[in-house]
Amino acid sequence: MTAPARAPQSKKELRKLSKKEQIARSREGARIKRERERKRRIRNRLLLASGLTVAVALTATATVTVQAAQQREANAGPENMASNGILFTGDGSAMSATRTARLEEDDSPTPTALDETDGVVAVTAYLDFADPDSMAFLTANTNLESWVTAGYLTLELHPVAVTATKVGDDYSIRAANAFACVAQYAPDSAFAVASAMAKAYPADDADPPADDALVLLVQNAGVTDDDVAKCITDGRFRPWVTRATARATSSGIPNSSVSALSATPTILVNREQYTGDADDADAFTSFVLAQYDAETGTDSGDTGDGGDTGDATGDATG
């Protein structure tokens, strides 16, 4: 077999080539060089495109992750309201809120366990801060705080927004949001703020407080945390207020026979609904004592086992 001809390499060999062969060789060299350059540019473009694609993908992933986190944060409920309400208890010297984790958007609330054997009456109140009857309940029953502090009863407040307010205003939602902000950042002060909001309830012909006025009201009640003020003006828990209200008005009220919230205030004492006038403190006190008697099997009018509760109500209402 004949070996292939070797391409001339030395200058001497190149000089032996004809002019036509030299031109052809030069053109071939130029072609090879152009092909190499073309492949290099293509490779660089591919590498650049690949890098940009990865960068864009990473940026898009990061953006989606941040947006999802922001969405979760915006729709989460306040801490210390896992039942959609905030629970207050007392140790004989102070009234404090029970700490709980927050509810995420898709979480179901966890109803507060009801113990009807411990001699402590459980009061649960569904209130709308734009409802005059709800506010009348708080202003009339000034004994609630002393009863809770003494350990005679627990109190759970559920803010809801069911009252139609003036056109162009949503005070019902805004006030519930303000209460939730306090529950998040200053839970032990939530009852004091609720009481202050009740006392400041506007007259029928007055405009409801704007958010700035709500911030000032909360601050005057002793909560000066900047996070609370920002939470109120940002309307941070408005989505949660809407969800909590929808659940109460459609899914019923735990630990009771109330199938759905239809009006405010809705007050439960243990499992029984109080149906008296919201502003009749004497009637409500009698109802609480009746439920205490039913739970403990005593007579609150006696000086025996029920005497402490009788003294507590006397001190608070006297």
Foldseek 3Di string as FASTA:
>chain_A
DDDDDDDDDDPVSLVPDDPVVNVVVVVVVVVVVVVVVVVVVVVVVVVVVVVVVVVVVVVVVVVVVVVVVVVQQLQKFAWCCLQLWWKWAADQAAIFTDTGGIGTNPDHGDDDDFDLQPLAKEKEKEAFLLDLQRLLLLQQQQLVRLCRRRGNYMYIYHQAQDDDDDPPDRVRLLVNQLLRLCCRPPVSLSSLLSNLSSVPRDDPPDDDDDLVVSLVSVVVSPDDDPSSSCSSVVVRHSSVNVVSNVCQQCDHDPQEPGRHDDDPTFMDIRHDTDDDRSNPNVSVLVVNQVSSCVSHVDHLVDCPPNVVSVVSVVVRVD
